[in-house]
Amino acid sequence: MKINFVYDKGKDVWCLLNKGKSSNNSQNPTKQYEQLVARYGESPTVEDATVFIEEYISENEMDVSKCIKEFQNEWESISSKFQKRAEAIFGVPLSDNITAYLTINSRCPYNIKENFFYVSLSSSQVKKTAMHELWHFYTWYGLGSDQEEQLGKEKYNNLKEALTVLLNVECVGLLPEGEVDTGYPQHQEIREKIIRHWGKDKNIKNLWSYLLK
């Protein structure tokens, strides 16, 4: 499994327009989307977003090529260790190449079927973002791609988001110093249950079954 960091303006536009206003886990718009709307109104077009992104990158003096190299190097410094730990927990590898698209947006979605996730160009925590998103990939393949259909999107979303709390236990030394995966406010109770149970039984399938009770 290899992560390739790339920039694609079309993907950036899609991310801003489709995930800037709200998401499954937050109804608040991102700062970038708010700025876009302030300039172009409540229904910005693809053309509006394209111009906005170009100006945003220029005004914030973002060197996209430099970011790609830095993010790639930073990730590769821990990728093999992370992969080894994740595979040991979930019992499955991620064999396909996965693309990490850079975006000006501060909200970073992912798509397992199309093998990509997003990373913010302004991020200083690319390791944490990548591990968080890849944890969702491992959850999908390790616990069953049918789980979302069986449980319903909302319940599955809550559980897979809460499950990233295990990064704070199993990926110590790989997260940036002083950083933890905090999760969303609405998932804190589930995250606490996960940590308590994981301390007694470090079997991911047993943990999943416990969470479904």
Protein backbone atom coordinates (compact mmCIF):
# COMPACT_ATOMS: atom_id res chain seq x y z
CA MET A 1 0.00 0.00 0.00
CA LYS A 2 1.36 3.37 -1.06
CA ILE A 3 -0.06 6.83 -0.55
CA ASN A 4 0.50 9.29 -3.40
CA PHE A 5 0.07 12.97 -2.52
CA VAL A 6 -1.13 15.01 -5.49
CA TYR A 7 -2.91 18.25 -6.31
CA ASP A 8 -5.83 18.30 -8.72
CA LYS A 9 -7.70 21.59 -9.06
CA GLY A 10 -10.91 19.86 -10.08
CA LYS A 11 -10.80 17.70 -6.95
CA ASP A 12 -10.12 20.78 -4.85
CA VAL A 13 -13.15 22.55 -6.34
CA TRP A 14 -15.32 19.49 -5.64
CA CYS A 15 -14.16 19.29 -2.04
CA LEU A 16 -14.84 22.96 -1.36
CA LEU A 17 -18.28 23.02 -2.98
CA ASN A 18 -19.50 19.65 -1.69
CA LYS A 19 -17.91 19.44 1.75
CA GLY A 20 -17.25 23.05 2.65
CA LYS A 21 -20.82 23.89 3.68
CA SER A 22 -21.42 20.90 5.97
CA SER A 23 -20.68 17.22 6.48
CA ASN A 24 -22.07 14.16 8.23
CA ASN A 25 -20.27 15.09 11.43
CA SER A 26 -20.51 18.89 11.41
CA GLN A 27 -23.17 21.25 10.14
CA ASN A 28 -20.83 24.22 10.34
CA PRO A 29 -19.24 25.61 7.17
CA THR A 30 -15.47 25.71 6.89
CA LYS A 31 -13.65 29.04 7.00
CA GLN A 32 -12.80 28.70 3.31
CA TYR A 33 -16.42 28.07 2.33
CA GLU A 34 -17.55 31.06 4.36
CA GLN A 35 -15.05 33.22 2.48
CA LEU A 36 -16.24 31.78 -0.84
CA VAL A 37 -19.88 32.60 -0.02
CA ALA A 38 -18.97 36.07 1.23
CA ARG A 39 -17.46 36.78 -2.17
CA TYR A 40 -19.88 35.03 -4.53
CA GLY A 41 -23.13 34.54 -2.62
CA GLU A 42 -24.98 31.52 -1.26
CA SER A 43 -24.81 29.44 -4.45
CA PRO A 44 -21.24 29.61 -5.76
CA THR A 45 -20.59 27.92 -9.10
CA VAL A 46 -17.72 25.72 -10.20
CA GLU A 47 -16.28 28.74 -11.99
CA ASP A 48 -16.57 30.85 -8.82
CA ALA A 49 -14.83 28.19 -6.75
CA THR A 50 -12.08 27.76 -9.32
CA VAL A 51 -11.21 31.47 -9.28
CA PHE A 52 -11.52 31.61 -5.50
CA ILE A 53 -9.12 28.68 -5.04
CA GLU A 54 -6.54 30.16 -7.40
CA GLU A 55 -6.66 33.48 -5.55
CA TYR A 56 -6.66 31.78 -2.13
CA ILE A 57 -3.50 29.84 -2.96
CA SER A 58 -1.82 32.99 -4.29
CA GLU A 59 -2.90 35.27 -1.43
CA ASN A 60 -1.77 32.75 1.19
CA GLU A 61 1.52 32.14 -0.64
CA MET A 62 0.98 28.39 -0.78
CA ASP A 63 3.66 26.50 -2.67
CA VAL A 64 1.68 23.47 -3.80
CA SER A 65 4.66 21.59 -5.27
CA LYS A 66 6.62 22.09 -2.06
CA CYS A 67 3.66 20.89 0.03
CA ILE A 68 3.38 17.73 -2.04
CA LYS A 69 7.04 16.87 -1.48
CA GLU A 70 6.94 17.69 2.22
CA PHE A 71 3.73 15.76 2.85
CA GLN A 72 5.02 12.77 0.90
CA ASN A 73 8.30 12.70 2.83
CA GLU A 74 6.59 13.22 6.18
CA TRP A 75 4.16 10.38 5.56
CA GLU A 76 6.79 7.98 4.26
CA SER A 77 8.81 8.48 7.44
CA ILE A 78 6.15 6.53 9.36
CA SER A 79 4.15 4.69 6.69
CA SER A 80 5.70 1.25 7.11
CA LYS A 81 5.35 1.34 10.90
CA PHE A 82 1.75 2.49 10.68
CA GLN A 83 0.87 -0.13 8.10
CA LYS A 84 2.39 -2.89 10.22
CA ARG A 85 0.46 -1.83 13.32
CA ALA A 86 -2.84 -1.35 11.50
CA GLU A 87 -2.59 -4.68 9.70
CA ALA A 88 -1.87 -6.46 12.97
CA ILE A 89 -5.04 -4.98 14.48
CA PHE A 90 -7.45 -5.38 11.58
CA GLY A 91 -5.97 -8.50 10.01
CA VAL A 92 -6.09 -7.12 6.47
CA PRO A 93 -3.70 -5.20 4.19
CA LEU A 94 -4.54 -2.23 2.01
CA SER A 95 -2.92 -3.43 -1.17
CA ASP A 96 -3.99 -0.78 -3.66
CA ASN A 97 -2.36 2.59 -4.13
CA ILE A 98 -4.33 5.35 -2.42
CA THR A 99 -4.36 8.98 -3.52
CA ALA A 100 -4.21 11.85 -1.04
CA TYR A 101 -5.60 14.95 -2.73
CA LEU A 102 -4.50 18.29 -1.37
CA THR A 103 -7.19 20.93 -0.84
CA ILE A 104 -7.51 24.46 0.48
CA ASN A 105 -10.57 23.24 2.41
CA SER A 106 -10.08 22.50 6.10
CA ARG A 107 -12.57 19.62 5.95
CA CYS A 108 -11.05 16.47 4.47
CA PRO A 109 -13.44 13.72 3.26
CA TYR A 110 -12.51 10.32 1.88
CA ASN A 111 -13.82 7.76 -0.59
CA ILE A 112 -12.91 4.11 -0.04
CA LYS A 113 -14.38 2.79 -3.28
CA GLU A 114 -12.37 5.29 -5.32
CA ASN A 115 -9.29 4.95 -3.10
CA PHE A 116 -8.70 8.55 -2.08
CA PHE A 117 -8.82 10.95 0.83
CA TYR A 118 -8.10 14.65 1.23
CA VAL A 119 -5.44 16.55 3.17
CA SER A 120 -5.56 20.28 3.80
CA LEU A 121 -2.81 22.33 2.17
CA SER A 122 -2.51 24.33 5.36
CA SER A 123 -2.21 21.26 7.57
CA SER A 124 0.72 20.90 9.91
CA GLN A 125 -0.55 17.47 10.92
CA VAL A 126 -0.50 15.44 7.72
CA LYS A 127 0.51 12.29 9.61
CA LYS A 128 -2.53 12.54 11.87
CA THR A 129 -4.90 13.27 9.00
CA ALA A 130 -3.59 10.37 6.91
CA MET A 131 -3.70 7.88 9.79
CA HIS A 132 -7.22 8.98 10.72
CA GLU A 133 -8.53 8.55 7.18
CA LEU A 134 -6.70 5.27 6.59
CA TRP A 135 -8.16 3.92 9.85
CA HIS A 136 -11.55 4.20 8.13
CA PHE A 137 -10.20 2.17 5.20
CA TYR A 138 -8.95 -0.55 7.56
CA THR A 139 -12.28 -0.52 9.42
CA TRP A 140 -14.17 -0.98 6.15
CA TYR A 141 -12.07 -3.90 4.93
CA GLY A 142 -11.22 -5.45 8.30
CA LEU A 143 -14.68 -5.48 9.84
CA GLY A 144 -16.71 -6.01 6.68
CA SER A 145 -17.73 -3.77 3.81
CA ASP A 146 -21.34 -4.81 4.49
CA GLN A 147 -21.42 -3.21 7.92
CA GLU A 148 -22.62 0.19 6.74
CA GLU A 149 -25.56 -1.38 4.94
CA GLN A 150 -26.42 -3.60 7.91
CA LEU A 151 -26.13 -0.91 10.58
CA GLY A 152 -27.30 2.09 8.60
CA LYS A 153 -25.14 5.02 7.61
CA GLU A 154 -25.59 7.02 10.82
CA LYS A 155 -24.70 4.25 13.26
CA TYR A 156 -21.82 3.04 11.12
CA ASN A 157 -20.51 6.58 10.81
CA ASN A 158 -20.61 7.09 14.57
CA LEU A 159 -18.79 3.85 15.29
CA LYS A 160 -16.08 4.16 12.64
CA GLU A 161 -15.38 7.76 13.66
CA ALA A 162 -15.18 6.80 17.32
CA LEU A 163 -12.86 3.90 16.51
CA THR A 164 -10.08 6.32 15.56
CA VAL A 165 -9.51 6.85 19.28
CA LEU A 166 -7.37 3.70 19.08
CA LEU A 167 -4.76 5.73 17.21
CA ASN A 168 -3.95 7.38 20.53
CA VAL A 169 -3.15 3.98 22.01
CA GLU A 170 -1.77 1.92 19.17
CA CYS A 171 0.09 4.60 17.21
CA VAL A 172 2.00 6.29 19.99
CA GLY A 173 5.22 7.65 18.51
CA LEU A 174 3.72 7.97 15.04
CA LEU A 175 1.42 10.88 15.78
CA PRO A 176 3.14 14.29 15.83
CA GLU A 177 4.50 15.15 19.27
CA GLY A 178 1.79 16.51 21.51
CA GLU A 179 -0.98 15.60 19.05
CA VAL A 180 -3.89 13.22 19.64
CA ASP A 181 -6.88 12.15 17.59
CA THR A 182 -9.61 14.09 19.40
CA GLY A 183 -12.63 13.03 17.38
CA TYR A 184 -15.97 14.82 17.29
CA PRO A 185 -17.83 16.00 20.43
CA GLN A 186 -20.83 13.75 19.74
CA HIS A 187 -18.65 10.62 19.74
CA GLN A 188 -16.81 11.12 23.03
CA GLU A 189 -18.95 8.70 25.05
CA ILE A 190 -18.42 5.91 22.51
CA ARG A 191 -14.70 6.66 22.38
CA GLU A 192 -14.46 6.26 26.14
CA LYS A 193 -16.24 2.88 25.93
CA ILE A 194 -13.79 1.78 23.23
CA ILE A 195 -10.74 2.66 25.31
CA ARG A 196 -12.09 0.89 28.39
CA HIS A 197 -12.90 -2.28 26.47
CA TRP A 198 -9.67 -2.21 24.46
CA GLY A 199 -7.69 -2.16 27.69
CA LYS A 200 -9.23 -5.54 28.58
CA ASP A 201 -9.36 -7.22 25.16
CA LYS A 202 -7.29 -6.04 22.20
CA ASN A 203 -9.30 -7.90 19.60
CA ILE A 204 -10.90 -5.58 17.07
CA LYS A 205 -13.72 -7.96 16.10
CA ASN A 206 -14.63 -8.57 19.73
CA LEU A 207 -14.62 -4.81 20.26
CA TRP A 208 -16.90 -4.27 17.28
CA SER A 209 -19.33 -6.90 18.53
CA TYR A 210 -19.31 -5.23 21.94
CA LEU A 211 -20.16 -1.86 20.41
CA LEU A 212 -23.11 -3.39 18.53
CA LYS A 213 -24.79 -4.68 21.68
